[in-house]
Amino acid sequence: MLGSLLWDADSAFAAWNVEHAGSTNINAGDNCSIAVDALGHPHVAYAANGKNDLYYACKTGATWIVQVLKTNC
């Protein structure tokens, strides 16, 4: 599941929801970090394999917002 983020917003942990955080055309996943803020919104930082780019994604509503933090790291 390249470019995918597994996120479970159900407190009962009944099932995983698979959501795409950003492009599915990149080989993402190296050096991932995830945090959940006080409002329950997930924040993810990750590197794209082979591109040497650093991304930040957050979900505050129904969609993910993705930003490129740094290129050619």
Protein backbone atom coordinates (compact mmCIF):
# COMPACT_ATOMS: atom_id res chain seq x y z
CA MET A 1 0.00 0.00 0.00
CA LEU A 2 2.43 2.60 -1.14
CA GLY A 3 1.35 6.12 -0.28
CA SER A 4 -1.31 4.83 2.09
CA LEU A 5 -1.81 5.53 5.74
CA LEU A 6 -3.56 3.10 8.04
CA TRP A 7 -5.62 5.05 10.51
CA ASP A 8 -8.24 3.86 12.97
CA ALA A 9 -10.50 6.58 14.32
CA ASP A 10 -12.72 4.09 16.14
CA SER A 11 -11.89 3.92 19.82
CA ALA A 12 -12.99 0.28 19.93
CA PHE A 13 -10.29 -0.62 17.35
CA ALA A 14 -12.81 -2.78 15.54
CA ALA A 15 -11.30 -2.31 12.07
CA TRP A 16 -8.67 -0.33 10.20
CA ASN A 17 -9.65 2.39 7.78
CA VAL A 18 -7.25 2.67 4.84
CA GLU A 19 -6.88 6.24 3.60
CA HIS A 20 -4.49 7.76 1.08
CA ALA A 21 -2.57 10.64 2.55
CA GLY A 22 -1.24 12.33 -0.55
CA SER A 23 -0.19 10.85 -3.87
CA THR A 24 -0.36 7.13 -4.44
CA ASN A 25 2.33 7.52 -7.13
CA ILE A 26 5.21 7.86 -4.70
CA ASN A 27 6.94 5.11 -2.80
CA ALA A 28 6.26 6.58 0.64
CA GLY A 29 6.83 5.14 4.03
CA ASP A 30 10.44 5.52 5.11
CA ASN A 31 11.03 7.12 8.48
CA CYS A 32 7.37 7.74 9.29
CA SER A 33 6.27 9.61 12.39
CA ILE A 34 2.67 9.97 13.51
CA ALA A 35 1.11 12.06 16.24
CA VAL A 36 -2.46 12.75 17.25
CA ASP A 37 -3.32 16.21 18.57
CA ALA A 38 -5.69 17.05 21.42
CA LEU A 39 -8.64 17.16 19.00
CA GLY A 40 -7.90 13.67 17.66
CA HIS A 41 -6.47 14.82 14.32
CA PRO A 42 -3.60 12.72 12.94
CA HIS A 43 -0.36 14.36 11.79
CA VAL A 44 2.18 12.37 9.78
CA ALA A 45 5.69 13.13 8.58
CA TYR A 46 7.28 10.78 6.06
CA ALA A 47 9.98 10.49 3.43
CA ALA A 48 9.45 9.38 -0.16
CA ASN A 49 11.81 6.60 -1.23
CA GLY A 50 14.00 7.50 -4.17
CA LYS A 51 12.92 11.17 -4.20
CA ASN A 52 14.66 12.32 -0.99
CA ASP A 53 11.68 14.55 -0.19
CA LEU A 54 10.14 15.10 3.23
CA TYR A 55 6.35 15.37 3.52
CA TYR A 56 3.91 16.44 6.22
CA ALA A 57 0.25 15.39 6.14
CA CYS A 58 -2.60 16.22 8.50
CA LYS A 59 -6.29 15.47 8.55
CA THR A 60 -8.55 17.96 10.25
CA GLY A 61 -11.77 17.16 8.42
CA ALA A 62 -12.72 14.77 5.66
CA THR A 63 -9.54 15.22 3.60
CA TRP A 64 -5.80 15.05 4.10
CA ILE A 65 -3.67 18.15 3.57
CA VAL A 66 -0.18 17.29 2.34
CA GLN A 67 2.81 19.62 2.14
CA VAL A 68 6.33 19.06 0.88
CA LEU A 69 8.54 20.28 3.72
CA LYS A 70 11.89 19.83 2.03
CA THR A 71 13.16 18.50 -1.28
CA ASN A 72 16.43 16.69 -1.91
CA CYS A 73 17.11 16.10 1.80
